[in-house]
Amino acid sequence: MRISPDPLACFGLAALLSLAGCTPTLRLDAERPPSHAASNHTDTPLNAQLAAHIPPGESGFHLLHGGHAALAAPG
């Protein structure tokens, strides 16, 4: 008894292999410019707006304990 392959699965595998052949290889020896941390942006308009809503000494970061809490959190 011979089992014929699913044409859709064959097409998907061929498409996946074709796309995989287009990916560039990662050069580990490539020159990379040095990166630096961003400077302190305390004078931005966004910081001025948020500072009015964050109590002094607090960070404004609030840990949510799950997906339901994230959905119920105010925007």
PDB file of N, CA and C in Angstrom:
ATOM      1  N   MET A   1       0.850  -1.181   0.000  1.00  0.00           N
ATOM      2  CA  MET A   1       0.000   0.000   0.000  1.00  0.00           C
ATOM      3  C   MET A   1       0.894   1.243   0.000  1.00  0.00           C
ATOM      4  N   ARG A   2       0.657   2.141  -0.923  1.00  0.00           N
ATOM      5  CA  ARG A   2       1.460   3.351  -1.060  1.00  0.00           C
ATOM      6  C   ARG A   2       0.658   4.549  -0.570  1.00  0.00           C
ATOM      7  N   ILE A   3       1.297   5.383   0.264  1.00  0.00           N
ATOM      8  CA  ILE A   3       0.645   6.576   0.792  1.00  0.00           C
ATOM      9  C   ILE A   3       1.207   7.776   0.051  1.00  0.00           C
ATOM     10  N   SER A   4       0.344   8.543  -0.571  1.00  0.00           N
ATOM     11  CA  SER A   4       0.804   9.724  -1.296  1.00  0.00           C
ATOM     12  C   SER A   4       0.882  10.914  -0.340  1.00  0.00           C
ATOM     13  N   PRO A   5       1.914  11.752  -0.497  1.00  0.00           N
ATOM     14  CA  PRO A   5       2.062  12.910   0.392  1.00  0.00           C
ATOM     15  C   PRO A   5       1.002  13.977   0.114  1.00  0.00           C
ATOM     16  N   ASP A   6       0.718  14.732   1.133  1.00  0.00           N
ATOM     17  CA  ASP A   6      -0.247  15.827   1.033  1.00  0.00           C
ATOM     18  C   ASP A   6       0.364  16.943   0.175  1.00  0.00           C
ATOM     19  N   PRO A   7      -0.299  17.374  -0.896  1.00  0.00           N
ATOM     20  CA  PRO A   7       0.277  18.425  -1.760  1.00  0.00           C
ATOM     21  C   PRO A   7       0.502  19.736  -1.022  1.00  0.00           C
ATOM     22  N   LEU A   8      -0.380  20.082  -0.108  1.00  0.00           N
ATOM     23  CA  LEU A   8      -0.223  21.339   0.633  1.00  0.00           C
ATOM     24  C   LEU A   8       1.005  21.282   1.534  1.00  0.00           C
ATOM     25  N   ALA A   9       1.239  20.136   2.156  1.00  0.00           N
ATOM     26  CA  ALA A   9       2.419  19.988   3.007  1.00  0.00           C
ATOM     27  C   ALA A   9       3.688  20.062   2.171  1.00  0.00           C
ATOM     28  N   CYS A  10       3.674  19.476   0.991  1.00  0.00           N
ATOM     29  CA  CYS A  10       4.843  19.536   0.104  1.00  0.00           C
ATOM     30  C   CYS A  10       5.112  20.969  -0.341  1.00  0.00           C
ATOM     31  N   PHE A  11       4.051  21.702  -0.674  1.00  0.00           N
ATOM     32  CA  PHE A  11       4.213  23.099  -1.077  1.00  0.00           C
ATOM     33  C   PHE A  11       4.764  23.928   0.085  1.00  0.00           C
ATOM     34  N   GLY A  12       4.246  23.701   1.283  1.00  0.00           N
ATOM     35  CA  GLY A  12       4.726  24.438   2.453  1.00  0.00           C
ATOM     36  C   GLY A  12       6.186  24.160   2.736  1.00  0.00           C
ATOM     37  N   LEU A  13       6.588  22.893   2.620  1.00  0.00           N
ATOM     38  CA  LEU A  13       7.985  22.543   2.845  1.00  0.00           C
ATOM     39  C   LEU A  13       8.876  23.184   1.785  1.00  0.00           C
ATOM     40  N   ALA A  14       8.445  23.169   0.533  1.00  0.00           N
ATOM     41  CA  ALA A  14       9.224  23.790  -0.532  1.00  0.00           C
ATOM     42  C   ALA A  14       9.340  25.294  -0.320  1.00  0.00           C
ATOM     43  N   ALA A  15       8.264  25.945   0.103  1.00  0.00           N
ATOM     44  CA  ALA A  15       8.300  27.389   0.358  1.00  0.00           C
ATOM     45  C   ALA A  15       9.228  27.703   1.519  1.00  0.00           C
ATOM     46  N   LEU A  16       9.185  26.892   2.564  1.00  0.00           N
ATOM     47  CA  LEU A  16      10.039  27.108   3.731  1.00  0.00           C
ATOM     48  C   LEU A  16      11.510  26.950   3.360  1.00  0.00           C
ATOM     49  N   LEU A  17      11.828  25.920   2.592  1.00  0.00           N
ATOM     50  CA  LEU A  17      13.207  25.724   2.176  1.00  0.00           C
ATOM     51  C   LEU A  17      13.679  26.837   1.245  1.00  0.00           C
ATOM     52  N   SER A  18      12.798  27.335   0.394  1.00  0.00           N
ATOM     53  CA  SER A  18      13.162  28.434  -0.495  1.00  0.00           C
ATOM     54  C   SER A  18      13.452  29.705   0.292  1.00  0.00           C
ATOM     55  N   LEU A  19      12.636  29.985   1.285  1.00  0.00           N
ATOM     56  CA  LEU A  19      12.859  31.182   2.109  1.00  0.00           C
ATOM     57  C   LEU A  19      14.102  31.032   2.970  1.00  0.00           C
ATOM     58  N   ALA A  20      14.364  29.832   3.448  1.00  0.00           N
ATOM     59  CA  ALA A  20      15.552  29.614   4.269  1.00  0.00           C
ATOM     60  C   ALA A  20      16.821  29.842   3.454  1.00  0.00           C
ATOM     61  N   GLY A  21      16.766  29.567   2.164  1.00  0.00           N
ATOM     62  CA  GLY A  21      17.927  29.802   1.314  1.00  0.00           C
ATOM     63  C   GLY A  21      18.194  31.269   1.081  1.00  0.00           C
ATOM     64  N   CYS A  22      17.249  32.133   1.349  1.00  0.00           N
ATOM     65  CA  CYS A  22      17.412  33.568   1.136  1.00  0.00           C
ATOM     66  C   CYS A  22      17.968  34.292   2.359  1.00  0.00           C
ATOM     67  N   THR A  23      18.073  33.612   3.474  1.00  0.00           N
ATOM     68  CA  THR A  23      18.535  34.280   4.685  1.00  0.00           C
ATOM     69  C   THR A  23      20.036  34.490   4.625  1.00  0.00           C
ATOM     70  N   PRO A  24      20.497  35.646   5.051  1.00  0.00           N
ATOM     71  CA  PRO A  24      21.941  35.895   5.044  1.00  0.00           C
ATOM     72  C   PRO A  24      22.606  35.142   6.192  1.00  0.00           C
ATOM     73  N   THR A  25      23.866  34.850   6.024  1.00  0.00           N
ATOM     74  CA  THR A  25      24.600  34.209   7.100  1.00  0.00           C
ATOM     75  C   THR A  25      25.156  35.287   8.026  1.00  0.00           C
ATOM     76  N   LEU A  26      25.289  34.963   9.278  1.00  0.00           N
ATOM     77  CA  LEU A  26      25.764  35.910  10.277  1.00  0.00           C
ATOM     78  C   LEU A  26      27.283  35.885  10.304  1.00  0.00           C
ATOM     79  N   ARG A  27      27.874  37.047  10.100  1.00  0.00           N
ATOM     80  CA  ARG A  27      29.333  37.160  10.172  1.00  0.00           C
ATOM     81  C   ARG A  27      29.715  37.544  11.590  1.00  0.00           C
ATOM     82  N   LEU A  28      30.368  36.637  12.278  1.00  0.00           N
ATOM     83  CA  LEU A  28      30.761  36.903  13.655  1.00  0.00           C
ATOM     84  C   LEU A  28      31.983  37.807  13.741  1.00  0.00           C
ATOM     85  N   ASP A  29      32.733  37.907  12.658  1.00  0.00           N
ATOM     86  CA  ASP A  29      33.938  38.726  12.680  1.00  0.00           C
ATOM     87  C   ASP A  29      33.704  40.133  12.108  1.00  0.00           C
ATOM     88  N   ALA A  30      32.454  40.511  11.898  1.00  0.00           N
ATOM     89  CA  ALA A  30      32.146  41.824  11.335  1.00  0.00           C
ATOM     90  C   ALA A  30      32.496  42.925  12.335  1.00  0.00           C
ATOM     91  N   GLU A  31      32.963  44.046  11.802  1.00  0.00           N
ATOM     92  CA  GLU A  31      33.261  45.191  12.667  1.00  0.00           C
ATOM     93  C   GLU A  31      31.968  45.812  13.153  1.00  0.00           C
ATOM     94  N   ARG A  32      31.929  46.098  14.421  1.00  0.00           N
ATOM     95  CA  ARG A  32      30.745  46.713  15.010  1.00  0.00           C
ATOM     96  C   ARG A  32      31.177  47.995  15.721  1.00  0.00           C
ATOM     97  N   PRO A  33      30.487  49.086  15.443  1.00  0.00           N
ATOM     98  CA  PRO A  33      30.861  50.329  16.128  1.00  0.00           C
ATOM     99  C   PRO A  33      30.513  50.228  17.611  1.00  0.00           C
ATOM    100  N   PRO A  34      31.289  50.867  18.449  1.00  0.00           N
ATOM    101  CA  PRO A  34      30.981  50.825  19.878  1.00  0.00           C
ATOM    102  C   PRO A  34      29.636  51.496  20.159  1.00  0.00           C
ATOM    103  N   SER A  35      28.917  50.971  21.112  1.00  0.00           N
ATOM    104  CA  SER A  35      27.633  51.563  21.480  1.00  0.00           C
ATOM    105  C   SER A  35      27.762  52.242  22.833  1.00  0.00           C
ATOM    106  N   HIS A  36      26.890  53.192  23.063  1.00  0.00           N
ATOM    107  CA  HIS A  36      26.924  53.967  24.300  1.00  0.00           C
ATOM    108  C   HIS A  36      25.516  54.042  24.863  1.00  0.00           C
ATOM    109  N   ALA A  37      25.439  54.127  26.161  1.00  0.00           N
ATOM    110  CA  ALA A  37      24.134  54.272  26.811  1.00  0.00           C
ATOM    111  C   ALA A  37      23.564  55.648  26.495  1.00  0.00           C
ATOM    112  N   ALA A  38      22.259  55.706  26.419  1.00  0.00           N
ATOM    113  CA  ALA A  38      21.601  56.989  26.156  1.00  0.00           C
ATOM    114  C   ALA A  38      21.825  57.921  27.342  1.00  0.00           C
ATOM    115  N   SER A  39      21.929  59.190  27.038  1.00  0.00           N
ATOM    116  CA  SER A  39      22.125  60.163  28.110  1.00  0.00           C
ATOM    117  C   SER A  39      20.830  60.336  28.906  1.00  0.00           C
ATOM    118  N   ASN A  40      20.934  61.007  30.004  1.00  0.00           N
ATOM    119  CA  ASN A  40      19.776  61.245  30.868  1.00  0.00           C
ATOM    120  C   ASN A  40      18.842  62.257  30.194  1.00  0.00           C
ATOM    121  N   HIS A  41      17.653  61.821  29.847  1.00  0.00           N
ATOM    122  CA  HIS A  41      16.701  62.677  29.138  1.00  0.00           C
ATOM    123  C   HIS A  41      15.635  63.192  30.105  1.00  0.00           C
ATOM    124  N   THR A  42      16.048  63.986  31.066  1.00  0.00           N
ATOM    125  CA  THR A  42      15.100  64.485  32.062  1.00  0.00           C
ATOM    126  C   THR A  42      14.338  65.704  31.576  1.00  0.00           C
ATOM    127  N   ASP A  43      14.761  66.292  30.486  1.00  0.00           N
ATOM    128  CA  ASP A  43      14.111  67.524  30.026  1.00  0.00           C
ATOM    129  C   ASP A  43      13.198  67.293  28.820  1.00  0.00           C
ATOM    130  N   THR A  44      12.721  66.082  28.621  1.00  0.00           N
ATOM    131  CA  THR A  44      11.859  65.803  27.478  1.00  0.00           C
ATOM    132  C   THR A  44      10.402  66.117  27.812  1.00  0.00           C
ATOM    133  N   PRO A  45       9.575  66.409  26.819  1.00  0.00           N
ATOM    134  CA  PRO A  45       8.157  66.686  27.074  1.00  0.00           C
ATOM    135  C   PRO A  45       7.429  65.482  27.678  1.00  0.00           C
ATOM    136  N   LEU A  46       7.794  64.269  27.266  1.00  0.00           N
ATOM    137  CA  LEU A  46       7.150  63.086  27.832  1.00  0.00           C
ATOM    138  C   LEU A  46       7.467  62.950  29.315  1.00  0.00           C
ATOM    139  N   ASN A  47       8.704  63.204  29.690  1.00  0.00           N
ATOM    140  CA  ASN A  47       9.075  63.129  31.094  1.00  0.00           C
ATOM    141  C   ASN A  47       8.326  64.185  31.905  1.00  0.00           C
ATOM    142  N   ALA A  48       8.143  65.360  31.348  1.00  0.00           N
ATOM    143  CA  ALA A  48       7.419  66.412  32.066  1.00  0.00           C
ATOM    144  C   ALA A  48       5.964  66.010  32.305  1.00  0.00           C
ATOM    145  N   GLN A  49       5.338  65.354  31.313  1.00  0.00           N
ATOM    146  CA  GLN A  49       3.948  64.914  31.483  1.00  0.00           C
ATOM    147  C   GLN A  49       3.845  63.787  32.504  1.00  0.00           C
ATOM    148  N   LEU A  50       4.759  62.829  32.417  1.00  0.00           N
ATOM    149  CA  LEU A  50       4.693  61.682  33.326  1.00  0.00           C
ATOM    150  C   LEU A  50       5.071  62.042  34.752  1.00  0.00           C
ATOM    151  N   ALA A  51       5.967  62.989  34.909  1.00  0.00           N
ATOM    152  CA  ALA A  51       6.409  63.364  36.249  1.00  0.00           C
ATOM    153  C   ALA A  51       5.257  63.896  37.093  1.00  0.00           C
ATOM    154  N   ALA A  52       4.258  64.461  36.463  1.00  0.00           N
ATOM    155  CA  ALA A  52       3.113  64.991  37.215  1.00  0.00           C
ATOM    156  C   ALA A  52       2.266  63.863  37.809  1.00  0.00           C
ATOM    157  N   HIS A  53       2.361  62.642  37.256  1.00  0.00           N
ATOM    158  CA  HIS A  53       1.537  61.533  37.720  1.00  0.00           C
ATOM    159  C   HIS A  53       2.282  60.533  38.594  1.00  0.00           C
ATOM    160  N   ILE A  54       3.597  60.686  38.734  1.00  0.00           N
ATOM    161  CA  ILE A  54       4.394  59.748  39.528  1.00  0.00           C
ATOM    162  C   ILE A  54       4.797  60.424  40.826  1.00  0.00           C
ATOM    163  N   PRO A  55       4.457  59.818  41.967  1.00  0.00           N
ATOM    164  CA  PRO A  55       4.840  60.411  43.258  1.00  0.00           C
ATOM    165  C   PRO A  55       6.358  60.499  43.400  1.00  0.00           C
ATOM    166  N   PRO A  56       6.849  61.492  44.139  1.00  0.00           N
ATOM    167  CA  PRO A  56       8.298  61.634  44.346  1.00  0.00           C
ATOM    168  C   PRO A  56       8.878  60.379  44.997  1.00  0.00           C
ATOM    169  N   GLY A  57      10.008  59.926  44.510  1.00  0.00           N
ATOM    170  CA  GLY A  57      10.655  58.746  45.061  1.00  0.00           C
ATOM    171  C   GLY A  57      10.180  57.439  44.436  1.00  0.00           C
ATOM    172  N   GLU A  58       9.182  57.494  43.592  1.00  0.00           N
ATOM    173  CA  GLU A  58       8.673  56.294  42.925  1.00  0.00           C
ATOM    174  C   GLU A  58       9.220  56.249  41.505  1.00  0.00           C
ATOM    175  N   SER A  59       9.141  55.065  40.878  1.00  0.00           N
ATOM    176  CA  SER A  59       9.704  54.913  39.539  1.00  0.00           C
ATOM    177  C   SER A  59       8.657  54.963  38.439  1.00  0.00           C
ATOM    178  N   GLY A  60       7.412  54.729  38.756  1.00  0.00           N
ATOM    179  CA  GLY A  60       6.385  54.663  37.737  1.00  0.00           C
ATOM    180  C   GLY A  60       6.250  53.278  37.147  1.00  0.00           C
ATOM    181  N   PHE A  61       6.985  52.318  37.664  1.00  0.00           N
ATOM    182  CA  PHE A  61       6.948  50.941  37.198  1.00  0.00           C
ATOM    183  C   PHE A  61       6.022  50.149  38.104  1.00  0.00           C
ATOM    184  N   HIS A  62       5.110  49.396  37.495  1.00  0.00           N
ATOM    185  CA  HIS A  62       4.173  48.593  38.269  1.00  0.00           C
ATOM    186  C   HIS A  62       4.148  47.186  37.696  1.00  0.00           C
ATOM    187  N   LEU A  63       4.477  46.201  38.526  1.00  0.00           N
ATOM    188  CA  LEU A  63       4.515  44.818  38.084  1.00  0.00           C
ATOM    189  C   LEU A  63       3.100  44.254  38.031  1.00  0.00           C
ATOM    190  N   LEU A  64       2.722  43.714  36.886  1.00  0.00           N
ATOM    191  CA  LEU A  64       1.415  43.080  36.736  1.00  0.00           C
ATOM    192  C   LEU A  64       1.582  41.581  36.932  1.00  0.00           C
ATOM    193  N   HIS A  65       0.615  40.961  37.585  1.00  0.00           N
ATOM    194  CA  HIS A  65       0.746  39.563  37.973  1.00  0.00           C
ATOM    195  C   HIS A  65       0.118  38.584  37.000  1.00  0.00           C
ATOM    196  N   GLY A  66      -0.295  39.018  35.844  1.00  0.00           N
ATOM    197  CA  GLY A  66      -0.857  38.083  34.882  1.00  0.00           C
ATOM    198  C   GLY A  66      -1.528  38.802  33.736  1.00  0.00           C
ATOM    199  N   GLY A  67      -2.008  38.022  32.792  1.00  0.00           N
ATOM    200  CA  GLY A  67      -2.635  38.573  31.623  1.00  0.00           C
ATOM    201  C   GLY A  67      -3.922  39.314  31.916  1.00  0.00           C
ATOM    202  N   HIS A  68      -4.708  38.801  32.858  1.00  0.00           N
ATOM    203  CA  HIS A  68      -5.960  39.471  33.202  1.00  0.00           C
ATOM    204  C   HIS A  68      -5.693  40.840  33.829  1.00  0.00           C
ATOM    205  N   ALA A  69      -4.646  40.918  34.643  1.00  0.00           N
ATOM    206  CA  ALA A  69      -4.294  42.199  35.250  1.00  0.00           C
ATOM    207  C   ALA A  69      -3.831  43.191  34.179  1.00  0.00           C
ATOM    208  N   ALA A  70      -3.153  42.690  33.155  1.00  0.00           N
ATOM    209  CA  ALA A  70      -2.684  43.561  32.078  1.00  0.00           C
ATOM    210  C   ALA A  70      -3.874  44.095  31.273  1.00  0.00           C
ATOM    211  N   LEU A  71      -4.878  43.248  31.067  1.00  0.00           N
ATOM    212  CA  LEU A  71      -6.041  43.706  30.320  1.00  0.00           C
ATOM    213  C   LEU A  71      -6.875  44.692  31.133  1.00  0.00           C
ATOM    214  N   ALA A  72      -6.886  44.525  32.445  1.00  0.00           N
ATOM    215  CA  ALA A  72      -7.695  45.401  33.296  1.00  0.00           C
ATOM    216  C   ALA A  72      -6.955  46.684  33.672  1.00  0.00           C
ATOM    217  N   ALA A  73      -5.664  46.754  33.415  1.00  0.00           N
ATOM    218  CA  ALA A  73      -4.894  47.931  33.802  1.00  0.00           C
ATOM    219  C   ALA A  73      -5.338  49.148  32.994  1.00  0.00           C
ATOM    220  N   PRO A  74      -5.388  50.301  33.644  1.00  0.00           N
ATOM    221  CA  PRO A  74      -5.758  51.512  32.900  1.00  0.00           C
ATOM    222  C   PRO A  74      -4.671  51.857  31.896  1.00  0.00           C
ATOM    223  N   GLY A  75      -5.092  52.394  30.771  1.00  0.00           N
ATOM    224  CA  GLY A  75      -4.179  52.714  29.670  1.00  0.00           C
ATOM    225  C   GLY A  75      -3.289  53.835  29.994  1.00  0.00           C
TER     226      GLY A  75
END
